[in-house]
Structures are given as C-alpha cells and as structure tokens.
Protein backbone atom coordinates (compact mmCIF):
# COMPACT_ATOMS: atom_id res chain seq x y z
CA MET A 1 -18.34 67.72 -68.75
CA ASP A 2 -22.07 67.55 -67.96
CA THR A 3 -23.64 67.04 -64.65
CA GLN A 4 -24.23 63.37 -65.08
CA GLN A 5 -20.52 62.78 -66.08
CA ARG A 6 -19.34 64.77 -63.16
CA LEU A 7 -21.67 63.03 -60.72
CA ARG A 8 -20.73 59.50 -62.06
CA GLY A 9 -17.09 60.35 -62.03
CA PHE A 10 -17.33 61.30 -58.33
CA ILE A 11 -19.14 58.23 -57.26
CA THR A 12 -16.89 55.90 -59.31
CA GLU A 13 -13.69 57.49 -58.16
CA ASN A 14 -14.50 57.75 -54.42
CA PHE A 15 -16.52 54.72 -53.74
CA TYR A 16 -16.14 50.98 -54.54
CA VAL A 17 -17.95 50.51 -57.77
CA PRO A 18 -17.03 46.99 -59.20
CA ASP A 19 -17.98 47.89 -62.77
CA ALA A 20 -18.48 51.63 -63.47
CA GLU A 21 -20.15 50.79 -66.83
CA GLU A 22 -22.86 48.91 -64.81
CA LEU A 23 -23.74 51.74 -62.67
CA ALA A 24 -27.18 52.72 -63.93
CA LEU A 25 -29.08 55.75 -63.16
CA ASP A 26 -31.63 53.68 -61.07
CA THR A 27 -29.00 51.59 -59.08
CA PRO A 28 -29.82 52.27 -55.43
CA LEU A 29 -26.46 53.62 -54.11
CA ILE A 30 -27.02 52.70 -50.43
CA ASP A 31 -28.85 49.37 -50.83
CA ALA A 32 -26.28 48.16 -53.45
CA GLY A 33 -23.50 48.89 -50.97
CA ILE A 34 -21.82 51.54 -53.02
CA VAL A 35 -22.29 54.42 -50.57
CA ASP A 36 -22.91 54.16 -46.87
CA SER A 37 -24.31 56.83 -44.54
CA THR A 38 -20.96 58.46 -44.04
CA GLY A 39 -20.35 58.33 -47.85
CA MET A 40 -23.68 59.99 -48.40
CA LEU A 41 -22.24 63.14 -46.49
CA GLU A 42 -19.39 63.11 -49.03
CA VAL A 43 -21.94 62.96 -51.91
CA ILE A 44 -23.92 65.92 -50.28
CA ALA A 45 -20.63 67.93 -49.96
CA PHE A 46 -19.64 67.23 -53.55
CA ILE A 47 -23.16 68.20 -54.75
CA GLU A 48 -22.98 71.48 -52.91
CA GLY A 49 -19.48 72.46 -53.94
CA ALA A 50 -19.67 71.13 -57.51
CA PHE A 51 -23.11 72.53 -58.38
CA GLY A 52 -23.45 75.57 -56.12
CA ILE A 53 -26.50 74.37 -54.36
CA ARG A 54 -27.39 73.84 -50.68
CA VAL A 55 -28.81 70.50 -49.60
CA GLU A 56 -31.10 71.01 -46.70
CA ASP A 57 -31.34 68.45 -43.82
CA ARG A 58 -34.98 67.95 -44.83
CA GLU A 59 -34.00 67.14 -48.33
CA THR A 60 -31.65 64.28 -47.38
CA LEU A 61 -34.16 61.60 -48.35
CA PRO A 62 -33.87 58.58 -50.67
CA GLU A 63 -36.39 60.25 -52.92
CA ASN A 64 -33.73 63.01 -53.66
CA LEU A 65 -30.43 61.14 -53.15
CA GLY A 66 -30.99 57.32 -53.51
CA THR A 67 -29.84 56.93 -57.14
CA LEU A 68 -27.76 58.68 -59.69
CA GLY A 69 -30.96 59.61 -61.53
CA ARG A 70 -32.66 60.94 -58.47
CA ILE A 71 -29.65 63.07 -57.57
CA LEU A 72 -29.55 64.44 -61.18
CA ALA A 73 -33.23 65.42 -60.85
CA PHE A 74 -32.58 66.93 -57.47
CA ILE A 75 -29.80 69.06 -58.76
CA ALA A 76 -31.83 70.11 -61.70
CA ARG A 77 -34.76 71.15 -59.53
CA LYS A 78 -32.45 73.09 -57.22
CA GLN A 79 -30.92 74.88 -60.06
CA GLY A 80 -34.27 75.50 -61.54
CA GLY A 81 -33.60 73.55 -64.82
CA ALA A 82 -34.81 70.46 -66.56
CA VAL A 83 -33.72 67.03 -65.48
CA ALA A 84 -30.54 65.98 -67.18
CA ALA A 85 -30.71 63.49 -69.87
CA ALA A 86 -29.68 59.86 -69.35
C-alpha cells in the first residue's frame, strides 16, 4: 500500500466522508467539514506514526496539512523524497 492509499484509508475510515471516491487530492479537509481541529491532531499522530516523521508545531499549517495532496507533498519533503503521484 502506497502513501496515498494509507493516508486516504486513514481519513475515510476515521472521519465522516460521505463518498470516499469523491475525496480529491485538493479537497480542503477542514473547510469541507471532514476534519476538525481535534481531528487534525489525530491526522498528525497518524502521519508521525505511519511514516516515521515528526510534525513540528510550526509546520501545522494549511499549506502543509490542508488537503490530501498537501499532506502527501509534506510527507515526501520530510522523508526527503519526491511528491507521491496522484
């Protein structure tokens, strides 16, 4: 299972996503009502545990964690790799 599948699976299994097939890489997780501020802490804990990276307080910005695509890019940067394919 690749990074995108793991992340998408976590989001769809742990938060209310009416139609998992409709969850696009650019869907704003908080603005769309999928994840709230407490839920974002769960997402961060998942990212840290599943991908072996540390999310610093200063990195908890919409630019890094606002959408699936941004989270994938953030994980790739933290792991020193390329952005995961869509």
